[in-house]
Amino acid sequence: MLAVGCGYQQERPGLPAGARSLGLAPVNNLTGSGELDARLHALLKRRFSGHANIRLRNPGKSDLELRIDLTRFETTRALDPALGSDRVFGYTLQGTLTLFDARNGRTLISRAPLSASVRRFHAATVVETTAIRDEGLADVLKAFADQVERRVLLAF
């Protein structure tokens, strides 16, 4: 409370190079898993919409354009040898991020690699159902989106 009374304000993360608007290009999905692109695009849209100092616009009408290429998605299933009794479902998503400044034609970030992995533990008798897979996908997409957001907002 004292900090508020002193006029202190926490700096809000913003876009690099003084940009005010961001365009999210459709996610380019090269993984063969058809649902990842639409889910990641929707998640990123929600995340960046939550920043008061960032306006989302259509690509081509924004200061910056964010492009994501998803290059690899892998699911692993195994018993955890360390625990001996748990089944582990692992989800890994890899891709690249490009951030283009439409105001001057410069590429600010070019094909920066991103990778996210999550592991979910279940009883040894559990098989991967649609619901379990969906939870794993949601977790790995969230972890990937965390990296995108950090890279775009905090890299400069």
C-alpha atoms as a PDB file:
ATOM      1  CA  MET A   1       0.000   0.000   0.000  1.00  0.00           C
ATOM      2  CA  LEU A   2       2.841   2.382   0.792  1.00  0.00           C
ATOM      3  CA  ALA A   3       4.292   2.025  -2.703  1.00  0.00           C
ATOM      4  CA  VAL A   4       1.008   3.189  -4.232  1.00  0.00           C
ATOM      5  CA  GLY A   5       1.031   6.281  -2.025  1.00  0.00           C
ATOM      6  CA  CYS A   6       4.559   7.144  -3.221  1.00  0.00           C
ATOM      7  CA  GLY A   7       3.519   7.249  -6.871  1.00  0.00           C
ATOM      8  CA  TYR A   8       5.457   4.073  -7.650  1.00  0.00           C
ATOM      9  CA  GLN A   9       4.141   2.152 -10.622  1.00  0.00           C
ATOM     10  CA  GLN A  10       5.250  -1.217 -11.825  1.00  0.00           C
ATOM     11  CA  GLU A  11       6.318  -1.055 -15.447  1.00  0.00           C
ATOM     12  CA  ARG A  12       3.990  -3.035 -17.659  1.00  0.00           C
ATOM     13  CA  PRO A  13       5.525  -5.187 -20.315  1.00  0.00           C
ATOM     14  CA  GLY A  14       5.085  -3.786 -23.776  1.00  0.00           C
ATOM     15  CA  LEU A  15       6.009  -4.439 -27.343  1.00  0.00           C
ATOM     16  CA  PRO A  16       9.534  -3.741 -28.561  1.00  0.00           C
ATOM     17  CA  ALA A  17      10.601  -0.709 -30.615  1.00  0.00           C
ATOM     18  CA  GLY A  18       7.793   1.490 -29.283  1.00  0.00           C
ATOM     19  CA  ALA A  19       5.157  -0.522 -31.138  1.00  0.00           C
ATOM     20  CA  ARG A  20       1.578  -0.293 -29.935  1.00  0.00           C
ATOM     21  CA  SER A  21      -0.172  -2.958 -32.017  1.00  0.00           C
ATOM     22  CA  LEU A  22       0.469  -6.609 -32.738  1.00  0.00           C
ATOM     23  CA  GLY A  23      -0.876  -8.760 -35.534  1.00  0.00           C
ATOM     24  CA  LEU A  24      -1.035 -12.517 -34.991  1.00  0.00           C
ATOM     25  CA  ALA A  25      -0.523 -14.347 -38.257  1.00  0.00           C
ATOM     26  CA  PRO A  26      -2.180 -17.754 -38.525  1.00  0.00           C
ATOM     27  CA  VAL A  27       0.044 -20.385 -36.901  1.00  0.00           C
ATOM     28  CA  ASN A  28       1.876 -22.460 -39.497  1.00  0.00           C
ATOM     29  CA  ASN A  29       1.527 -26.059 -38.340  1.00  0.00           C
ATOM     30  CA  LEU A  30       4.068 -28.469 -39.834  1.00  0.00           C
ATOM     31  CA  THR A  31       3.606 -31.150 -37.162  1.00  0.00           C
ATOM     32  CA  GLY A  32       0.823 -33.221 -38.702  1.00  0.00           C
ATOM     33  CA  SER A  33      -1.359 -32.736 -35.613  1.00  0.00           C
ATOM     34  CA  GLY A  34      -4.167 -30.608 -36.973  1.00  0.00           C
ATOM     35  CA  GLU A  35      -5.552 -29.058 -33.818  1.00  0.00           C
ATOM     36  CA  LEU A  36      -2.396 -27.388 -32.501  1.00  0.00           C
ATOM     37  CA  ASP A  37      -2.419 -24.344 -34.783  1.00  0.00           C
ATOM     38  CA  ALA A  38      -5.961 -23.211 -34.019  1.00  0.00           C
ATOM     39  CA  ARG A  39      -5.621 -23.833 -30.280  1.00  0.00           C
ATOM     40  CA  LEU A  40      -2.291 -22.003 -30.024  1.00  0.00           C
ATOM     41  CA  HIS A  41      -3.560 -19.056 -32.071  1.00  0.00           C
ATOM     42  CA  ALA A  42      -6.632 -18.711 -29.821  1.00  0.00           C
ATOM     43  CA  LEU A  43      -4.493 -18.975 -26.680  1.00  0.00           C
ATOM     44  CA  LEU A  44      -2.033 -16.315 -27.884  1.00  0.00           C
ATOM     45  CA  LYS A  45      -4.903 -14.043 -28.883  1.00  0.00           C
ATOM     46  CA  ARG A  46      -6.383 -14.293 -25.365  1.00  0.00           C
ATOM     47  CA  ARG A  47      -3.000 -13.692 -23.744  1.00  0.00           C
ATOM     48  CA  PHE A  48      -2.004 -10.645 -25.747  1.00  0.00           C
ATOM     49  CA  SER A  49      -5.537  -9.226 -25.466  1.00  0.00           C
ATOM     50  CA  GLY A  50      -5.029  -9.221 -21.708  1.00  0.00           C
ATOM     51  CA  HIS A  51      -2.282  -6.586 -21.928  1.00  0.00           C
ATOM     52  CA  ALA A  52      -3.767  -3.109 -21.580  1.00  0.00           C
ATOM     53  CA  ASN A  53      -0.918  -1.495 -23.516  1.00  0.00           C
ATOM     54  CA  ILE A  54      -1.122  -3.818 -26.564  1.00  0.00           C
ATOM     55  CA  ARG A  55      -3.739  -3.530 -29.287  1.00  0.00           C
ATOM     56  CA  LEU A  56      -4.354  -6.652 -31.325  1.00  0.00           C
ATOM     57  CA  ARG A  57      -4.990  -6.004 -34.992  1.00  0.00           C
ATOM     58  CA  ASN A  58      -5.110  -8.033 -38.141  1.00  0.00           C
ATOM     59  CA  PRO A  59      -1.708  -8.770 -39.675  1.00  0.00           C
ATOM     60  CA  GLY A  60      -0.939  -6.102 -42.259  1.00  0.00           C
ATOM     61  CA  LYS A  61      -2.689  -3.438 -40.164  1.00  0.00           C
ATOM     62  CA  SER A  62      -0.430  -3.660 -37.107  1.00  0.00           C
ATOM     63  CA  ASP A  63       2.943  -2.215 -36.135  1.00  0.00           C
ATOM     64  CA  LEU A  64       4.382  -5.692 -35.518  1.00  0.00           C
ATOM     65  CA  GLU A  65       3.492  -9.089 -36.922  1.00  0.00           C
ATOM     66  CA  LEU A  66       4.069 -12.287 -34.976  1.00  0.00           C
ATOM     67  CA  ARG A  67       4.573 -15.504 -36.925  1.00  0.00           C
ATOM     68  CA  ILE A  68       4.801 -18.925 -35.323  1.00  0.00           C
ATOM     69  CA  ASP A  69       5.863 -22.104 -37.099  1.00  0.00           C
ATOM     70  CA  LEU A  70       5.196 -25.349 -35.239  1.00  0.00           C
ATOM     71  CA  THR A  71       7.793 -27.838 -36.428  1.00  0.00           C
ATOM     72  CA  ARG A  72       7.540 -30.875 -34.148  1.00  0.00           C
ATOM     73  CA  PHE A  73       5.017 -32.430 -31.802  1.00  0.00           C
ATOM     74  CA  GLU A  74       5.777 -35.624 -29.943  1.00  0.00           C
ATOM     75  CA  THR A  75       3.889 -37.738 -27.443  1.00  0.00           C
ATOM     76  CA  THR A  76       5.691 -40.305 -25.310  1.00  0.00           C
ATOM     77  CA  ARG A  77       4.175 -42.969 -23.090  1.00  0.00           C
ATOM     78  CA  ALA A  78       6.124 -44.994 -20.565  1.00  0.00           C
ATOM     79  CA  LEU A  79       6.245 -46.344 -17.055  1.00  0.00           C
ATOM     80  CA  ASP A  80       8.401 -44.148 -14.842  1.00  0.00           C
ATOM     81  CA  PRO A  81      11.395 -46.332 -13.906  1.00  0.00           C
ATOM     82  CA  ALA A  82      12.206 -44.111 -10.923  1.00  0.00           C
ATOM     83  CA  LEU A  83       8.785 -44.609  -9.395  1.00  0.00           C
ATOM     84  CA  GLY A  84       8.008 -47.997 -10.851  1.00  0.00           C
ATOM     85  CA  SER A  85       4.290 -47.592 -10.487  1.00  0.00           C
ATOM     86  CA  ASP A  86       3.361 -44.492 -12.465  1.00  0.00           C
ATOM     87  CA  ARG A  87       2.597 -44.145 -16.148  1.00  0.00           C
ATOM     88  CA  VAL A  88       4.068 -41.025 -17.690  1.00  0.00           C
ATOM     89  CA  PHE A  89       2.604 -39.267 -20.704  1.00  0.00           C
ATOM     90  CA  GLY A  90       4.970 -36.696 -22.164  1.00  0.00           C
ATOM     91  CA  TYR A  91       4.150 -33.968 -24.666  1.00  0.00           C
ATOM     92  CA  THR A  92       6.779 -31.914 -26.502  1.00  0.00           C
ATOM     93  CA  LEU A  93       6.116 -29.038 -28.878  1.00  0.00           C
ATOM     94  CA  GLN A  94       8.819 -27.257 -30.869  1.00  0.00           C
ATOM     95  CA  GLY A  95       8.696 -24.358 -33.250  1.00  0.00           C
ATOM     96  CA  THR A  96      10.063 -20.987 -34.219  1.00  0.00           C
ATOM     97  CA  LEU A  97       9.038 -17.394 -33.638  1.00  0.00           C
ATOM     98  CA  THR A  98       9.488 -14.491 -36.041  1.00  0.00           C
ATOM     99  CA  LEU A  99       8.622 -10.913 -35.146  1.00  0.00           C
ATOM    100  CA  PHE A 100       8.427  -8.481 -38.060  1.00  0.00           C
ATOM    101  CA  ASP A 101       8.220  -4.677 -37.782  1.00  0.00           C
ATOM    102  CA  ALA A 102       5.799  -3.628 -40.521  1.00  0.00           C
ATOM    103  CA  ARG A 103       6.577   0.059 -39.999  1.00  0.00           C
ATOM    104  CA  ASN A 104      10.114  -0.206 -41.329  1.00  0.00           C
ATOM    105  CA  GLY A 105      10.306  -3.681 -42.890  1.00  0.00           C
ATOM    106  CA  ARG A 106      12.823  -4.980 -40.322  1.00  0.00           C
ATOM    107  CA  THR A 107      12.754  -8.409 -38.772  1.00  0.00           C
ATOM    108  CA  LEU A 108      13.248  -8.005 -35.017  1.00  0.00           C
ATOM    109  CA  ILE A 109      13.389 -11.720 -34.219  1.00  0.00           C
ATOM    110  CA  SER A 110      14.091 -14.261 -36.938  1.00  0.00           C
ATOM    111  CA  ARG A 111      13.049 -17.886 -36.508  1.00  0.00           C
ATOM    112  CA  ALA A 112      13.995 -18.025 -32.828  1.00  0.00           C
ATOM    113  CA  PRO A 113      13.658 -21.629 -31.624  1.00  0.00           C
ATOM    114  CA  LEU A 114      11.096 -22.426 -28.949  1.00  0.00           C
ATOM    115  CA  SER A 115      10.458 -25.710 -27.178  1.00  0.00           C
ATOM    116  CA  ALA A 116       8.038 -26.762 -24.454  1.00  0.00           C
ATOM    117  CA  SER A 117       7.687 -30.118 -22.724  1.00  0.00           C
ATOM    118  CA  VAL A 118       5.330 -31.361 -20.058  1.00  0.00           C
ATOM    119  CA  ARG A 119       4.941 -34.694 -18.301  1.00  0.00           C
ATOM    120  CA  ARG A 120       1.752 -35.954 -16.715  1.00  0.00           C
ATOM    121  CA  PHE A 121       1.793 -38.805 -14.206  1.00  0.00           C
ATOM    122  CA  HIS A 122      -1.008 -41.359 -13.799  1.00  0.00           C
ATOM    123  CA  ALA A 123      -1.473 -44.772 -12.228  1.00  0.00           C
ATOM    124  CA  ALA A 124       0.230 -47.561 -14.176  1.00  0.00           C
ATOM    125  CA  THR A 125      -3.124 -48.974 -15.301  1.00  0.00           C
ATOM    126  CA  VAL A 126      -4.255 -45.720 -16.953  1.00  0.00           C
ATOM    127  CA  VAL A 127      -4.320 -45.564 -20.740  1.00  0.00           C
ATOM    128  CA  GLU A 128      -4.193 -42.320 -22.675  1.00  0.00           C
ATOM    129  CA  THR A 129      -7.794 -41.339 -23.268  1.00  0.00           C
ATOM    130  CA  THR A 130      -8.988 -38.381 -25.309  1.00  0.00           C
ATOM    131  CA  ALA A 131      -9.500 -36.404 -22.083  1.00  0.00           C
ATOM    132  CA  ILE A 132      -5.979 -37.155 -20.818  1.00  0.00           C
ATOM    133  CA  ARG A 133      -4.482 -36.240 -24.197  1.00  0.00           C
ATOM    134  CA  ASP A 134      -6.486 -33.019 -24.266  1.00  0.00           C
ATOM    135  CA  GLU A 135      -5.166 -32.058 -20.821  1.00  0.00           C
ATOM    136  CA  GLY A 136      -1.615 -32.783 -21.978  1.00  0.00           C
ATOM    137  CA  LEU A 137      -2.100 -30.700 -25.122  1.00  0.00           C
ATOM    138  CA  ALA A 138      -3.510 -27.828 -23.078  1.00  0.00           C
ATOM    139  CA  ASP A 139      -0.494 -27.975 -20.742  1.00  0.00           C
ATOM    140  CA  VAL A 140       2.125 -28.039 -23.512  1.00  0.00           C
ATOM    141  CA  LEU A 141       0.348 -25.279 -25.462  1.00  0.00           C
ATOM    142  CA  LYS A 142       0.260 -23.129 -22.316  1.00  0.00           C
ATOM    143  CA  ALA A 143       3.986 -23.721 -21.741  1.00  0.00           C
ATOM    144  CA  PHE A 144       4.725 -22.861 -25.389  1.00  0.00           C
ATOM    145  CA  ALA A 145       2.556 -19.720 -25.215  1.00  0.00           C
ATOM    146  CA  ASP A 146       4.431 -18.687 -22.035  1.00  0.00           C
ATOM    147  CA  GLN A 147       7.665 -18.763 -24.034  1.00  0.00           C
ATOM    148  CA  VAL A 148       6.173 -16.800 -26.936  1.00  0.00           C
ATOM    149  CA  GLU A 149       4.824 -14.135 -24.601  1.00  0.00           C
ATOM    150  CA  ARG A 150       8.114 -13.833 -22.690  1.00  0.00           C
ATOM    151  CA  ARG A 151      10.135 -13.650 -25.877  1.00  0.00           C
ATOM    152  CA  VAL A 152       7.964 -10.980 -27.486  1.00  0.00           C
ATOM    153  CA  LEU A 153       7.485  -8.816 -24.377  1.00  0.00           C
ATOM    154  CA  LEU A 154      10.720  -9.224 -22.477  1.00  0.00           C
ATOM    155  CA  ALA A 155      13.371  -9.742 -25.117  1.00  0.00           C
ATOM    156  CA  PHE A 156      14.027  -6.031 -25.625  1.00  0.00           C
END
